[in-house]
Amino acid sequence: MCAHYESCKNPEKLKQHFGIDTVPEAAKSDLWPGYLGLFIRRNQPEDASTGDAESGREALAGSFGLIPHWANDTKIARNTYNARAETVAEKPSFRDAWRLGRKCIIPADAIYEPDWRSGKAVPARISRTDGQPMGIAGLWTAWKTPKGEILRSYTMLTINADTHALMNQFHKPADEKRMVVILQENQYDDWLNTPMNQAREFLKPFPADSLSCDTR
């Protein structure tokens, strides 16, 4: 599970790595549930003029924590920032976004998890060993506020990490270990464009030796 992460702080690196032209200024770089962050999706027909025509991707600001269309307010984002891959198609908060194929990529310089290797929880910063941004697989949706405005939101997809050499060290010892789905760069377009009946093929663990962990 991931409730805290750093978005990409370098706009030029973000544009180059993810193939986007514009970075929304409203998005924050240090993210917790309910904060306005950045996600990348496939260009939408109605927004064709705002995306990158060559890559077919666009970056948008949205709430970290999915807010389904039926929600009464944004408080639900505190509980919907991660979606379990095993149940995402059935859970009321996520099933519409999954059914509609609203896949996205969440750019991150690092994620944070509680490290229990010392016997107590210590905040750990996890990043790629090659210094490149993470592209985390997620889902997005749009919610109409009581004022009639549209607020976009997103969630990170997670998978079991009980046997992952690094990510099985985090969270309480008795708890199931989870990790976000980190995509390889050559999977970005396929993830965004593939039909939903093939989407689960991407929900696999990122190699442990390609991740590093720093405790604070």
C-alpha atoms as a PDB file:
ATOM      1  CA  MET A   1       0.000   0.000   0.000  1.00  0.00           C
ATOM      2  CA  CYS A   2       1.165   3.516  -0.666  1.00  0.00           C
ATOM      3  CA  ALA A   3      -0.329   6.556   1.054  1.00  0.00           C
ATOM      4  CA  HIS A   4       2.639   8.903   0.573  1.00  0.00           C
ATOM      5  CA  TYR A   5       4.772   9.538  -2.480  1.00  0.00           C
ATOM      6  CA  GLU A   6       6.837  12.151  -4.283  1.00  0.00           C
ATOM      7  CA  SER A   7       5.765  13.196  -7.731  1.00  0.00           C
ATOM      8  CA  CYS A   8       8.431  14.097 -10.281  1.00  0.00           C
ATOM      9  CA  LYS A   9       9.946  17.422  -9.253  1.00  0.00           C
ATOM     10  CA  ASN A  10      11.849  18.114 -12.499  1.00  0.00           C
ATOM     11  CA  PRO A  11       9.345  19.232 -15.184  1.00  0.00           C
ATOM     12  CA  GLU A  12      11.737  18.658 -18.065  1.00  0.00           C
ATOM     13  CA  LYS A  13      12.601  15.146 -16.888  1.00  0.00           C
ATOM     14  CA  LEU A  14       8.893  14.471 -16.453  1.00  0.00           C
ATOM     15  CA  LYS A  15       8.112  15.628 -19.997  1.00  0.00           C
ATOM     16  CA  GLN A  16      10.950  13.656 -21.533  1.00  0.00           C
ATOM     17  CA  HIS A  17      10.380  10.413 -19.645  1.00  0.00           C
ATOM     18  CA  PHE A  18       6.601  10.285 -20.071  1.00  0.00           C
ATOM     19  CA  GLY A  19       6.301  11.957 -23.479  1.00  0.00           C
ATOM     20  CA  ILE A  20       4.089  14.873 -22.494  1.00  0.00           C
ATOM     21  CA  ASP A  21       4.186  18.542 -23.489  1.00  0.00           C
ATOM     22  CA  THR A  22       2.550  20.300 -20.549  1.00  0.00           C
ATOM     23  CA  VAL A  23       2.727  19.845 -16.782  1.00  0.00           C
ATOM     24  CA  PRO A  24      -0.253  21.205 -14.777  1.00  0.00           C
ATOM     25  CA  GLU A  25       0.930  23.823 -12.298  1.00  0.00           C
ATOM     26  CA  ALA A  26      -1.750  23.022  -9.720  1.00  0.00           C
ATOM     27  CA  ALA A  27      -0.305  19.610  -8.881  1.00  0.00           C
ATOM     28  CA  LYS A  28       1.766  19.182  -5.701  1.00  0.00           C
ATOM     29  CA  SER A  29       5.057  17.275  -5.486  1.00  0.00           C
ATOM     30  CA  ASP A  30       4.658  15.746  -1.979  1.00  0.00           C
ATOM     31  CA  LEU A  31       1.455  13.721  -2.058  1.00  0.00           C
ATOM     32  CA  TRP A  32      -0.920  12.315   0.555  1.00  0.00           C
ATOM     33  CA  PRO A  33      -4.530  11.147   0.014  1.00  0.00           C
ATOM     34  CA  GLY A  34      -6.768  14.047  -0.955  1.00  0.00           C
ATOM     35  CA  TYR A  35      -3.899  16.186  -2.289  1.00  0.00           C
ATOM     36  CA  LEU A  36      -3.947  17.375  -5.874  1.00  0.00           C
ATOM     37  CA  GLY A  37      -1.375  15.398  -7.837  1.00  0.00           C
ATOM     38  CA  LEU A  38      -0.496  14.508 -11.397  1.00  0.00           C
ATOM     39  CA  PHE A  39      -1.612  11.601 -13.548  1.00  0.00           C
ATOM     40  CA  ILE A  40      -1.081  10.760 -17.208  1.00  0.00           C
ATOM     41  CA  ARG A  41      -3.749   9.289 -19.428  1.00  0.00           C
ATOM     42  CA  ARG A  42      -4.372   8.595 -23.082  1.00  0.00           C
ATOM     43  CA  ASN A  43      -5.529  11.676 -24.994  1.00  0.00           C
ATOM     44  CA  GLN A  44      -9.289  12.010 -24.862  1.00  0.00           C
ATOM     45  CA  PRO A  45     -11.197  13.087 -28.018  1.00  0.00           C
ATOM     46  CA  GLU A  46     -12.657  16.113 -26.254  1.00  0.00           C
ATOM     47  CA  ASP A  47      -9.200  17.179 -25.030  1.00  0.00           C
ATOM     48  CA  ALA A  48      -7.217  16.472 -28.190  1.00  0.00           C
ATOM     49  CA  SER A  49      -5.816  19.994 -28.325  1.00  0.00           C
ATOM     50  CA  THR A  50      -4.263  19.768 -24.834  1.00  0.00           C
ATOM     51  CA  GLY A  51      -2.309  16.526 -25.175  1.00  0.00           C
ATOM     52  CA  ASP A  52       0.853  15.540 -26.965  1.00  0.00           C
ATOM     53  CA  ALA A  53      -0.256  14.511 -30.451  1.00  0.00           C
ATOM     54  CA  GLU A  54       2.857  12.405 -31.068  1.00  0.00           C
ATOM     55  CA  SER A  55       2.800  10.291 -27.907  1.00  0.00           C
ATOM     56  CA  GLY A  56      -0.973  10.285 -27.480  1.00  0.00           C
ATOM     57  CA  ARG A  57      -0.639  11.105 -23.759  1.00  0.00           C
ATOM     58  CA  GLU A  58      -1.666  14.049 -21.630  1.00  0.00           C
ATOM     59  CA  ALA A  59      -0.932  15.049 -18.034  1.00  0.00           C
ATOM     60  CA  LEU A  60      -3.721  16.264 -15.766  1.00  0.00           C
ATOM     61  CA  ALA A  61      -4.149  17.316 -12.152  1.00  0.00           C
ATOM     62  CA  GLY A  62      -6.407  15.233  -9.942  1.00  0.00           C
ATOM     63  CA  SER A  63      -7.092  14.163  -6.379  1.00  0.00           C
ATOM     64  CA  PHE A  64      -4.891  11.346  -5.035  1.00  0.00           C
ATOM     65  CA  GLY A  65      -7.671   8.958  -4.055  1.00  0.00           C
ATOM     66  CA  LEU A  66     -10.427   7.960  -6.462  1.00  0.00           C
ATOM     67  CA  ILE A  67     -13.723   9.814  -6.017  1.00  0.00           C
ATOM     68  CA  PRO A  68     -16.506   7.793  -7.713  1.00  0.00           C
ATOM     69  CA  HIS A  69     -19.375   9.592  -9.393  1.00  0.00           C
ATOM     70  CA  TRP A  70     -21.800   8.610  -6.629  1.00  0.00           C
ATOM     71  CA  ALA A  71     -19.720  10.071  -3.755  1.00  0.00           C
ATOM     72  CA  ASN A  72     -21.284  12.846  -1.690  1.00  0.00           C
ATOM     73  CA  ASP A  73     -17.963  14.596  -1.032  1.00  0.00           C
ATOM     74  CA  THR A  74     -14.216  14.188  -1.413  1.00  0.00           C
ATOM     75  CA  LYS A  75     -13.606  12.504   1.968  1.00  0.00           C
ATOM     76  CA  ILE A  76     -13.720   9.084   0.328  1.00  0.00           C
ATOM     77  CA  ALA A  77     -10.282   9.834  -1.185  1.00  0.00           C
ATOM     78  CA  ARG A  78      -8.759   9.042   2.219  1.00  0.00           C
ATOM     79  CA  ASN A  79      -9.671   5.381   1.640  1.00  0.00           C
ATOM     80  CA  THR A  80      -9.422   4.988  -2.152  1.00  0.00           C
ATOM     81  CA  TYR A  81      -5.822   5.960  -2.913  1.00  0.00           C
ATOM     82  CA  ASN A  82      -4.922   2.298  -3.565  1.00  0.00           C
ATOM     83  CA  ALA A  83      -6.977  -0.327  -5.423  1.00  0.00           C
ATOM     84  CA  ARG A  84      -6.296  -4.031  -4.930  1.00  0.00           C
ATOM     85  CA  ALA A  85      -5.788  -5.704  -8.314  1.00  0.00           C
ATOM     86  CA  GLU A  86      -7.614  -8.811  -7.088  1.00  0.00           C
ATOM     87  CA  THR A  87     -10.877  -6.956  -6.355  1.00  0.00           C
ATOM     88  CA  VAL A  88     -10.701  -3.738  -8.400  1.00  0.00           C
ATOM     89  CA  ALA A  89     -13.301  -4.931 -10.914  1.00  0.00           C
ATOM     90  CA  GLU A  90     -15.875  -5.641  -8.174  1.00  0.00           C
ATOM     91  CA  LYS A  91     -15.374  -2.955  -5.520  1.00  0.00           C
ATOM     92  CA  PRO A  92     -18.009  -0.177  -5.817  1.00  0.00           C
ATOM     93  CA  SER A  93     -15.420   2.601  -5.569  1.00  0.00           C
ATOM     94  CA  PHE A  94     -13.336   1.299  -8.499  1.00  0.00           C
ATOM     95  CA  ARG A  95     -15.450  -0.958 -10.702  1.00  0.00           C
ATOM     96  CA  ASP A  96     -16.798   1.777 -13.006  1.00  0.00           C
ATOM     97  CA  ALA A  97     -13.327   3.177 -13.706  1.00  0.00           C
ATOM     98  CA  TRP A  98     -12.079  -0.347 -14.422  1.00  0.00           C
ATOM     99  CA  ARG A  99     -15.069  -1.230 -16.622  1.00  0.00           C
ATOM    100  CA  LEU A 100     -14.700   1.991 -18.624  1.00  0.00           C
ATOM    101  CA  GLY A 101     -10.990   1.394 -19.172  1.00  0.00           C
ATOM    102  CA  ARG A 102      -9.884   4.596 -17.469  1.00  0.00           C
ATOM    103  CA  LYS A 103      -6.277   3.537 -17.047  1.00  0.00           C
ATOM    104  CA  CYS A 104      -3.574   6.040 -16.161  1.00  0.00           C
ATOM    105  CA  ILE A 105       0.079   6.329 -15.176  1.00  0.00           C
ATOM    106  CA  ILE A 106       1.098   8.116 -11.975  1.00  0.00           C
ATOM    107  CA  PRO A 107       4.619   9.592 -12.178  1.00  0.00           C
ATOM    108  CA  ALA A 108       6.697   9.372  -8.998  1.00  0.00           C
ATOM    109  CA  ASP A 109      10.284  10.016  -7.988  1.00  0.00           C
ATOM    110  CA  ALA A 110       9.744   7.833  -4.923  1.00  0.00           C
ATOM    111  CA  ILE A 111       7.155   6.145  -2.731  1.00  0.00           C
ATOM    112  CA  TYR A 112       7.202   5.816   1.072  1.00  0.00           C
ATOM    113  CA  GLU A 113       6.439   2.746   3.176  1.00  0.00           C
ATOM    114  CA  PRO A 114       6.950   1.840   6.872  1.00  0.00           C
ATOM    115  CA  ASP A 115      10.079  -0.349   7.099  1.00  0.00           C
ATOM    116  CA  TRP A 116       9.813  -3.069   9.777  1.00  0.00           C
ATOM    117  CA  ARG A 117      13.223  -4.703   9.334  1.00  0.00           C
ATOM    118  CA  SER A 118      14.474  -3.170  12.599  1.00  0.00           C
ATOM    119  CA  GLY A 119      11.418  -4.403  14.498  1.00  0.00           C
ATOM    120  CA  LYS A 120       9.660  -1.047  14.468  1.00  0.00           C
ATOM    121  CA  ALA A 121       8.187   1.157  11.761  1.00  0.00           C
ATOM    122  CA  VAL A 122      10.736   3.474  10.140  1.00  0.00           C
ATOM    123  CA  PRO A 123       9.756   5.645   7.157  1.00  0.00           C
ATOM    124  CA  ALA A 124      11.510   4.352   4.048  1.00  0.00           C
ATOM    125  CA  ARG A 125      11.934   6.119   0.723  1.00  0.00           C
ATOM    126  CA  ILE A 126      11.810   3.702  -2.214  1.00  0.00           C
ATOM    127  CA  SER A 127      12.993   4.721  -5.677  1.00  0.00           C
ATOM    128  CA  ARG A 128      14.415   3.223  -8.852  1.00  0.00           C
ATOM    129  CA  THR A 129      18.106   2.391  -8.737  1.00  0.00           C
ATOM    130  CA  ASP A 130      18.690   3.966 -12.153  1.00  0.00           C
ATOM    131  CA  GLY A 131      17.352   7.354 -11.033  1.00  0.00           C
ATOM    132  CA  GLN A 132      14.478   7.313 -13.508  1.00  0.00           C
ATOM    133  CA  PRO A 133      10.922   8.173 -12.444  1.00  0.00           C
ATOM    134  CA  MET A 134       8.467   5.432 -11.577  1.00  0.00           C
ATOM    135  CA  GLY A 135       5.429   5.058 -13.796  1.00  0.00           C
ATOM    136  CA  ILE A 136       2.779   3.590 -11.487  1.00  0.00           C
ATOM    137  CA  ALA A 137      -0.264   1.900 -13.026  1.00  0.00           C
ATOM    138  CA  GLY A 138      -3.541   3.426 -11.907  1.00  0.00           C
ATOM    139  CA  LEU A 139      -7.137   4.312 -12.682  1.00  0.00           C
ATOM    140  CA  TRP A 140      -8.735   7.741 -13.001  1.00  0.00           C
ATOM    141  CA  THR A 141     -12.253   9.113 -12.993  1.00  0.00           C
ATOM    142  CA  ALA A 142     -14.168  12.404 -12.846  1.00  0.00           C
ATOM    143  CA  TRP A 143     -16.585  13.624 -10.165  1.00  0.00           C
ATOM    144  CA  LYS A 144     -19.021  16.532 -10.366  1.00  0.00           C
ATOM    145  CA  THR A 145     -18.837  18.773  -7.302  1.00  0.00           C
ATOM    146  CA  PRO A 146     -21.967  20.285  -5.692  1.00  0.00           C
ATOM    147  CA  LYS A 147     -21.066  23.500  -7.576  1.00  0.00           C
ATOM    148  CA  GLY A 148     -21.151  21.640 -10.873  1.00  0.00           C
ATOM    149  CA  GLU A 149     -17.373  21.652 -11.400  1.00  0.00           C
ATOM    150  CA  ILE A 150     -15.454  18.581 -12.561  1.00  0.00           C
ATOM    151  CA  LEU A 151     -12.785  17.172 -10.238  1.00  0.00           C
ATOM    152  CA  ARG A 152     -10.620  14.381 -11.616  1.00  0.00           C
ATOM    153  CA  SER A 153      -9.080  11.798  -9.293  1.00  0.00           C
ATOM    154  CA  TYR A 154      -6.898   8.705  -9.448  1.00  0.00           C
ATOM    155  CA  THR A 155      -5.808   5.606  -7.558  1.00  0.00           C
ATOM    156  CA  MET A 156      -2.732   3.352  -7.634  1.00  0.00           C
ATOM    157  CA  LEU A 157      -3.143  -0.344  -8.399  1.00  0.00           C
ATOM    158  CA  THR A 158      -1.523  -2.742  -5.912  1.00  0.00           C
ATOM    159  CA  ILE A 159      -0.592  -6.429  -5.934  1.00  0.00           C
ATOM    160  CA  ASN A 160       0.560  -8.982  -3.368  1.00  0.00           C
ATOM    161  CA  ALA A 161       4.232  -8.651  -2.376  1.00  0.00           C
ATOM    162  CA  ASP A 162       4.633 -11.472   0.171  1.00  0.00           C
ATOM    163  CA  THR A 163       7.477 -12.995  -1.863  1.00  0.00           C
ATOM    164  CA  HIS A 164       9.043  -9.787  -3.186  1.00  0.00           C
ATOM    165  CA  ALA A 165      12.633  -9.529  -1.945  1.00  0.00           C
ATOM    166  CA  LEU A 166      12.293  -5.844  -1.012  1.00  0.00           C
ATOM    167  CA  MET A 167       8.626  -4.946  -0.665  1.00  0.00           C
ATOM    168  CA  ASN A 168       7.883  -7.833   1.716  1.00  0.00           C
ATOM    169  CA  GLN A 169       9.794  -5.937   4.431  1.00  0.00           C
ATOM    170  CA  PHE A 170       7.206  -3.191   4.813  1.00  0.00           C
ATOM    171  CA  HIS A 171       4.088  -2.780   6.956  1.00  0.00           C
ATOM    172  CA  LYS A 172       3.381  -4.739  10.126  1.00  0.00           C
ATOM    173  CA  PRO A 173       4.932  -8.222  10.236  1.00  0.00           C
ATOM    174  CA  ALA A 174       1.572 -10.016  10.435  1.00  0.00           C
ATOM    175  CA  ASP A 175      -0.035  -8.005   7.639  1.00  0.00           C
ATOM    176  CA  GLU A 176      -0.207  -9.054   4.009  1.00  0.00           C
ATOM    177  CA  LYS A 177       2.544  -7.319   2.068  1.00  0.00           C
ATOM    178  CA  ARG A 178       1.455  -5.155  -0.874  1.00  0.00           C
ATOM    179  CA  MET A 179       3.185  -3.082  -3.522  1.00  0.00           C
ATOM    180  CA  VAL A 180       2.126  -0.666  -6.243  1.00  0.00           C
ATOM    181  CA  VAL A 181       2.391  -1.776  -9.870  1.00  0.00           C
ATOM    182  CA  ILE A 182       5.421  -0.065 -11.418  1.00  0.00           C
ATOM    183  CA  LEU A 183       5.470  -0.245 -15.202  1.00  0.00           C
ATOM    184  CA  GLN A 184       8.511  -0.538 -17.447  1.00  0.00           C
ATOM    185  CA  GLU A 185       8.920   2.378 -19.874  1.00  0.00           C
ATOM    186  CA  ASN A 186       8.185   0.198 -22.889  1.00  0.00           C
ATOM    187  CA  GLN A 187       4.829  -0.724 -21.343  1.00  0.00           C
ATOM    188  CA  TYR A 188       3.416   2.791 -21.013  1.00  0.00           C
ATOM    189  CA  ASP A 189       1.529   2.926 -24.317  1.00  0.00           C
ATOM    190  CA  ASP A 190       0.418  -0.688 -24.085  1.00  0.00           C
ATOM    191  CA  TRP A 191      -0.949  -0.141 -20.577  1.00  0.00           C
ATOM    192  CA  LEU A 192      -2.915   2.938 -21.622  1.00  0.00           C
ATOM    193  CA  ASN A 193      -4.251   1.455 -24.854  1.00  0.00           C
ATOM    194  CA  THR A 194      -4.787  -2.247 -24.225  1.00  0.00           C
ATOM    195  CA  PRO A 195      -8.373  -3.586 -23.828  1.00  0.00           C
ATOM    196  CA  MET A 196      -9.436  -4.205 -20.262  1.00  0.00           C
ATOM    197  CA  ASN A 197      -9.654  -7.959 -20.806  1.00  0.00           C
ATOM    198  CA  GLN A 198      -5.860  -7.886 -21.220  1.00  0.00           C
ATOM    199  CA  ALA A 199      -5.060  -5.280 -18.551  1.00  0.00           C
ATOM    200  CA  ARG A 200      -4.221  -7.786 -15.822  1.00  0.00           C
ATOM    201  CA  GLU A 201      -1.194  -8.932 -17.809  1.00  0.00           C
ATOM    202  CA  PHE A 202       0.548  -5.727 -16.653  1.00  0.00           C
ATOM    203  CA  LEU A 203      -0.152  -6.212 -12.942  1.00  0.00           C
ATOM    204  CA  LYS A 204       3.172  -7.778 -12.037  1.00  0.00           C
ATOM    205  CA  PRO A 205       5.933  -6.920  -9.511  1.00  0.00           C
ATOM    206  CA  PHE A 206       8.801  -4.639 -10.457  1.00  0.00           C
ATOM    207  CA  PRO A 207      12.212  -6.358 -10.024  1.00  0.00           C
ATOM    208  CA  ALA A 208      13.573  -5.976  -6.498  1.00  0.00           C
ATOM    209  CA  ASP A 209      17.113  -5.344  -7.738  1.00  0.00           C
ATOM    210  CA  SER A 210      15.848  -2.328  -9.706  1.00  0.00           C
ATOM    211  CA  LEU A 211      14.596  -0.619  -6.528  1.00  0.00           C
ATOM    212  CA  SER A 212      16.526   0.939  -3.652  1.00  0.00           C
ATOM    213  CA  CYS A 213      15.433   1.814  -0.124  1.00  0.00           C
ATOM    214  CA  ASP A 214      16.636   4.649   2.114  1.00  0.00           C
ATOM    215  CA  THR A 215      15.393   4.965   5.685  1.00  0.00           C
ATOM    216  CA  ARG A 216      15.133   8.285   7.517  1.00  0.00           C
END
